Amino acid sequence: MALTKAFRETVRARAQDDAAFRRALLTEAGSALVQGDADGARALLRDYINATMGFEALAHASGIAVKSLHRMFGAQGNPTLGNLTRVLQVLNEQEGIMPDVSARPIEA
């Protein structure tokens, strides 16, 4: 399902005004990724990128071509682990956060 322009603008406005919201987008993307939801992680990261620094600035900061970034985070995207971790590193640095992963037993 395609997002409407109004939704994207709402996310962008909230992200610009609310640091906790920006961090939550990144946190949820990381959680989705480690839980095996690659599509959800890509969508959240795409929303974060569009709402904050944009693909051009991310390309400059990451050293990954902008066209490659658009493909990586598109609906059919399939980023390599190296590119994905580089993007996450740049985004986390921009936000001033350090990811912390923990594990817990699966409840039956």
N, C-alpha and C. Protein backbone atom coordinates (compact mmCIF):
# COMPACT_ATOMS: atom_id res chain seq x y z
N MET A 1 0.85 -1.17 0.00
CA MET A 1 0.00 0.00 0.00
C MET A 1 0.90 1.24 0.00
N ALA A 2 0.64 2.13 -0.92
CA ALA A 2 1.41 3.37 -1.02
C ALA A 2 0.96 4.36 0.06
N LEU A 3 1.93 5.08 0.58
CA LEU A 3 1.61 6.10 1.56
C LEU A 3 1.15 7.36 0.84
N THR A 4 0.23 8.06 1.44
CA THR A 4 -0.24 9.30 0.85
C THR A 4 0.76 10.41 1.13
N LYS A 5 0.70 11.43 0.34
CA LYS A 5 1.57 12.59 0.53
C LYS A 5 1.33 13.22 1.89
N ALA A 6 0.07 13.27 2.32
CA ALA A 6 -0.25 13.87 3.62
C ALA A 6 0.40 13.08 4.75
N PHE A 7 0.41 11.76 4.65
CA PHE A 7 1.03 10.95 5.69
C PHE A 7 2.53 11.23 5.76
N ARG A 8 3.19 11.24 4.61
CA ARG A 8 4.64 11.51 4.57
C ARG A 8 4.94 12.88 5.16
N GLU A 9 4.13 13.86 4.84
CA GLU A 9 4.34 15.21 5.38
C GLU A 9 4.11 15.25 6.89
N THR A 10 3.15 14.48 7.38
CA THR A 10 2.89 14.40 8.82
C THR A 10 4.09 13.78 9.54
N VAL A 11 4.62 12.70 8.98
CA VAL A 11 5.80 12.05 9.57
C VAL A 11 6.97 13.02 9.56
N ARG A 12 7.19 13.71 8.45
CA ARG A 12 8.30 14.66 8.35
C ARG A 12 8.16 15.78 9.39
N ALA A 13 6.98 16.33 9.52
CA ALA A 13 6.76 17.42 10.48
C ALA A 13 7.00 16.94 11.91
N ARG A 14 6.50 15.77 12.23
CA ARG A 14 6.69 15.25 13.59
C ARG A 14 8.15 14.95 13.85
N ALA A 15 8.84 14.37 12.88
CA ALA A 15 10.25 14.03 13.05
C ALA A 15 11.10 15.28 13.25
N GLN A 16 10.76 16.35 12.55
CA GLN A 16 11.54 17.58 12.69
C GLN A 16 11.38 18.21 14.06
N ASP A 17 10.23 17.99 14.70
CA ASP A 17 9.95 18.62 15.99
C ASP A 17 10.15 17.72 17.19
N ASP A 18 10.31 16.43 16.99
CA ASP A 18 10.27 15.48 18.11
C ASP A 18 11.41 14.47 18.01
N ALA A 19 12.47 14.72 18.79
CA ALA A 19 13.64 13.84 18.78
C ALA A 19 13.27 12.44 19.24
N ALA A 20 12.38 12.31 20.19
CA ALA A 20 11.97 10.98 20.68
C ALA A 20 11.29 10.19 19.56
N PHE A 21 10.51 10.87 18.73
CA PHE A 21 9.85 10.21 17.59
C PHE A 21 10.89 9.71 16.60
N ARG A 22 11.91 10.54 16.31
CA ARG A 22 12.96 10.12 15.39
C ARG A 22 13.69 8.89 15.92
N ARG A 23 14.04 8.93 17.20
CA ARG A 23 14.72 7.78 17.81
C ARG A 23 13.83 6.54 17.78
N ALA A 24 12.54 6.73 17.99
CA ALA A 24 11.60 5.59 17.96
C ALA A 24 11.55 4.97 16.57
N LEU A 25 11.58 5.78 15.52
CA LEU A 25 11.60 5.24 14.16
C LEU A 25 12.83 4.35 13.96
N LEU A 26 13.99 4.83 14.40
CA LEU A 26 15.21 4.04 14.25
C LEU A 26 15.17 2.78 15.11
N THR A 27 14.68 2.91 16.32
CA THR A 27 14.60 1.76 17.22
C THR A 27 13.67 0.70 16.66
N GLU A 28 12.53 1.10 16.16
CA GLU A 28 11.58 0.15 15.58
C GLU A 28 12.14 -0.50 14.33
N ALA A 29 12.88 0.26 13.54
CA ALA A 29 13.51 -0.32 12.34
C ALA A 29 14.51 -1.39 12.74
N GLY A 30 15.32 -1.11 13.76
CA GLY A 30 16.28 -2.10 14.23
C GLY A 30 15.59 -3.34 14.79
N SER A 31 14.53 -3.13 15.54
CA SER A 31 13.77 -4.27 16.09
C SER A 31 13.17 -5.10 14.97
N ALA A 32 12.60 -4.45 13.99
CA ALA A 32 12.01 -5.18 12.87
C ALA A 32 13.08 -5.99 12.14
N LEU A 33 14.25 -5.41 11.99
CA LEU A 33 15.33 -6.09 11.28
C LEU A 33 15.76 -7.37 12.01
N VAL A 34 16.01 -7.26 13.32
CA VAL A 34 16.48 -8.44 14.05
C VAL A 34 15.38 -9.48 14.24
N GLN A 35 14.12 -9.08 14.08
CA GLN A 35 13.01 -10.02 14.18
C GLN A 35 12.66 -10.63 12.82
N GLY A 36 13.42 -10.30 11.80
CA GLY A 36 13.21 -10.91 10.50
C GLY A 36 12.23 -10.20 9.59
N ASP A 37 11.80 -9.00 9.96
CA ASP A 37 10.86 -8.23 9.15
C ASP A 37 11.62 -7.21 8.31
N ALA A 38 12.30 -7.70 7.28
CA ALA A 38 13.12 -6.82 6.44
C ALA A 38 12.28 -5.76 5.74
N ASP A 39 11.08 -6.11 5.29
CA ASP A 39 10.22 -5.14 4.62
C ASP A 39 9.82 -4.01 5.56
N GLY A 40 9.46 -4.36 6.77
CA GLY A 40 9.09 -3.35 7.76
C GLY A 40 10.26 -2.46 8.12
N ALA A 41 11.43 -3.06 8.28
CA ALA A 41 12.63 -2.29 8.60
C ALA A 41 12.95 -1.30 7.49
N ARG A 42 12.90 -1.77 6.24
CA ARG A 42 13.18 -0.88 5.10
C ARG A 42 12.19 0.27 5.05
N ALA A 43 10.92 -0.02 5.28
CA ALA A 43 9.90 1.04 5.23
C ALA A 43 10.13 2.08 6.33
N LEU A 44 10.44 1.62 7.54
CA LEU A 44 10.69 2.56 8.64
C LEU A 44 11.94 3.39 8.37
N LEU A 45 12.98 2.77 7.87
CA LEU A 45 14.20 3.51 7.56
C LEU A 45 13.96 4.52 6.43
N ARG A 46 13.20 4.11 5.42
CA ARG A 46 12.86 5.04 4.33
C ARG A 46 12.10 6.24 4.87
N ASP A 47 11.13 5.99 5.76
CA ASP A 47 10.38 7.10 6.37
C ASP A 47 11.31 8.01 7.16
N TYR A 48 12.22 7.41 7.92
CA TYR A 48 13.16 8.21 8.72
C TYR A 48 14.04 9.06 7.80
N ILE A 49 14.60 8.44 6.77
CA ILE A 49 15.49 9.16 5.85
C ILE A 49 14.74 10.32 5.19
N ASN A 50 13.55 10.04 4.68
CA ASN A 50 12.77 11.10 4.03
C ASN A 50 12.39 12.21 4.99
N ALA A 51 12.17 11.87 6.25
CA ALA A 51 11.73 12.86 7.23
C ALA A 51 12.88 13.65 7.83
N THR A 52 14.10 13.18 7.65
CA THR A 52 15.22 13.87 8.28
C THR A 52 16.23 14.37 7.25
N MET A 53 17.30 13.64 7.05
CA MET A 53 18.39 14.15 6.24
C MET A 53 18.17 14.03 4.73
N GLY A 54 17.33 13.14 4.29
CA GLY A 54 17.09 12.95 2.86
C GLY A 54 18.15 12.05 2.25
N PHE A 55 17.85 11.53 1.07
CA PHE A 55 18.73 10.57 0.42
C PHE A 55 20.02 11.19 -0.10
N GLU A 56 19.98 12.43 -0.55
CA GLU A 56 21.19 13.08 -1.06
C GLU A 56 22.23 13.23 0.04
N ALA A 57 21.82 13.74 1.20
CA ALA A 57 22.75 13.91 2.31
C ALA A 57 23.24 12.56 2.83
N LEU A 58 22.35 11.57 2.86
CA LEU A 58 22.75 10.23 3.30
C LEU A 58 23.78 9.64 2.35
N ALA A 59 23.60 9.86 1.06
CA ALA A 59 24.56 9.37 0.07
C ALA A 59 25.94 9.99 0.33
N HIS A 60 25.96 11.27 0.58
CA HIS A 60 27.22 11.96 0.85
C HIS A 60 27.87 11.43 2.13
N ALA A 61 27.09 11.26 3.19
CA ALA A 61 27.62 10.83 4.48
C ALA A 61 28.04 9.36 4.49
N SER A 62 27.36 8.55 3.70
CA SER A 62 27.62 7.10 3.73
C SER A 62 28.60 6.64 2.65
N GLY A 63 28.75 7.44 1.60
CA GLY A 63 29.58 7.02 0.49
C GLY A 63 28.89 6.04 -0.44
N ILE A 64 27.57 5.92 -0.29
CA ILE A 64 26.76 5.04 -1.14
C ILE A 64 26.00 5.92 -2.13
N ALA A 65 26.01 5.56 -3.39
CA ALA A 65 25.34 6.36 -4.41
C ALA A 65 23.86 6.53 -4.10
N VAL A 66 23.32 7.70 -4.40
CA VAL A 66 21.93 7.99 -4.09
C VAL A 66 20.98 7.03 -4.80
N LYS A 67 21.29 6.67 -6.05
CA LYS A 67 20.44 5.71 -6.76
C LYS A 67 20.44 4.36 -6.06
N SER A 68 21.58 3.96 -5.56
CA SER A 68 21.67 2.69 -4.82
C SER A 68 20.84 2.76 -3.54
N LEU A 69 20.89 3.89 -2.86
CA LEU A 69 20.09 4.05 -1.64
C LEU A 69 18.59 3.97 -1.95
N HIS A 70 18.17 4.62 -3.02
CA HIS A 70 16.75 4.55 -3.41
C HIS A 70 16.34 3.12 -3.71
N ARG A 71 17.20 2.38 -4.41
CA ARG A 71 16.89 0.98 -4.69
C ARG A 71 16.87 0.16 -3.40
N MET A 72 17.84 0.38 -2.52
CA MET A 72 17.93 -0.38 -1.27
C MET A 72 16.65 -0.26 -0.44
N PHE A 73 16.10 0.94 -0.39
CA PHE A 73 14.95 1.18 0.48
C PHE A 73 13.63 1.23 -0.27
N GLY A 74 13.65 0.83 -1.53
CA GLY A 74 12.43 0.71 -2.31
C GLY A 74 11.67 -0.55 -1.93
N ALA A 75 10.50 -0.70 -2.49
CA ALA A 75 9.62 -1.83 -2.17
C ALA A 75 10.27 -3.18 -2.46
N GLN A 76 11.10 -3.25 -3.48
CA GLN A 76 11.77 -4.50 -3.84
C GLN A 76 13.24 -4.50 -3.42
N GLY A 77 13.60 -3.58 -2.54
CA GLY A 77 14.99 -3.43 -2.12
C GLY A 77 15.55 -4.67 -1.44
N ASN A 78 16.85 -4.86 -1.63
CA ASN A 78 17.54 -5.99 -1.02
C ASN A 78 18.97 -5.55 -0.70
N PRO A 79 19.13 -4.67 0.33
CA PRO A 79 20.45 -4.14 0.61
C PRO A 79 21.41 -5.20 1.13
N THR A 80 22.67 -5.03 0.80
CA THR A 80 23.69 -5.92 1.37
C THR A 80 23.85 -5.56 2.84
N LEU A 81 24.37 -6.51 3.61
CA LEU A 81 24.58 -6.25 5.03
C LEU A 81 25.56 -5.10 5.23
N GLY A 82 26.59 -5.04 4.41
CA GLY A 82 27.56 -3.96 4.52
C GLY A 82 26.95 -2.60 4.31
N ASN A 83 26.13 -2.46 3.26
CA ASN A 83 25.48 -1.18 3.00
C ASN A 83 24.46 -0.83 4.08
N LEU A 84 23.71 -1.82 4.52
CA LEU A 84 22.70 -1.57 5.55
C LEU A 84 23.36 -1.12 6.86
N THR A 85 24.44 -1.78 7.26
CA THR A 85 25.09 -1.38 8.50
C THR A 85 25.72 0.00 8.38
N ARG A 86 26.25 0.34 7.20
CA ARG A 86 26.81 1.68 6.99
C ARG A 86 25.72 2.74 7.12
N VAL A 87 24.57 2.49 6.52
CA VAL A 87 23.45 3.44 6.61
C VAL A 87 23.01 3.57 8.07
N LEU A 88 22.86 2.46 8.76
CA LEU A 88 22.44 2.52 10.16
C LEU A 88 23.46 3.27 11.01
N GLN A 89 24.74 3.07 10.73
CA GLN A 89 25.78 3.79 11.47
C GLN A 89 25.63 5.30 11.27
N VAL A 90 25.44 5.72 10.04
CA VAL A 90 25.28 7.15 9.74
C VAL A 90 24.04 7.71 10.43
N LEU A 91 22.91 7.00 10.33
CA LEU A 91 21.67 7.48 10.92
C LEU A 91 21.76 7.54 12.44
N ASN A 92 22.35 6.52 13.06
CA ASN A 92 22.50 6.53 14.51
C ASN A 92 23.43 7.64 14.97
N GLU A 93 24.51 7.88 14.22
CA GLU A 93 25.42 8.99 14.56
C GLU A 93 24.70 10.32 14.45
N GLN A 94 23.90 10.48 13.40
CA GLN A 94 23.15 11.72 13.22
C GLN A 94 22.22 11.96 14.41
N GLU A 95 21.62 10.89 14.89
CA GLU A 95 20.66 10.99 15.97
C GLU A 95 21.34 11.01 17.34
N GLY A 96 22.64 10.68 17.36
CA GLY A 96 23.38 10.68 18.61
C GLY A 96 23.01 9.51 19.52
N ILE A 97 22.72 8.36 18.91
CA ILE A 97 22.35 7.20 19.71
C ILE A 97 23.28 6.03 19.40
N MET A 98 23.38 5.13 20.37
CA MET A 98 24.15 3.89 20.21
C MET A 98 23.18 2.74 20.39
N PRO A 99 23.00 1.92 19.35
CA PRO A 99 22.08 0.78 19.48
C PRO A 99 22.55 -0.19 20.57
N ASP A 100 21.60 -0.78 21.25
CA ASP A 100 21.89 -1.76 22.29
C ASP A 100 20.94 -2.91 22.09
N VAL A 101 21.47 -4.06 21.71
CA VAL A 101 20.64 -5.23 21.43
C VAL A 101 20.70 -6.17 22.62
N SER A 102 19.54 -6.67 23.01
CA SER A 102 19.50 -7.66 24.09
C SER A 102 18.60 -8.80 23.64
N ALA A 103 18.78 -9.94 24.27
CA ALA A 103 17.99 -11.12 23.93
C ALA A 103 17.24 -11.60 25.17
N ARG A 104 16.07 -12.16 24.95
CA ARG A 104 15.29 -12.73 26.04
C ARG A 104 14.63 -14.01 25.54
N PRO A 105 14.34 -14.92 26.44
CA PRO A 105 13.71 -16.18 26.00
C PRO A 105 12.34 -15.93 25.38
N ILE A 106 12.00 -16.75 24.43
CA ILE A 106 10.68 -16.69 23.82
C ILE A 106 9.69 -17.29 24.80
N GLU A 107 8.64 -16.54 25.05
CA GLU A 107 7.61 -17.03 25.96
C GLU A 107 6.66 -17.95 25.22
N ALA A 108 6.39 -19.10 25.82
CA ALA A 108 5.51 -20.08 25.17
C ALA A 108 4.06 -19.72 25.30
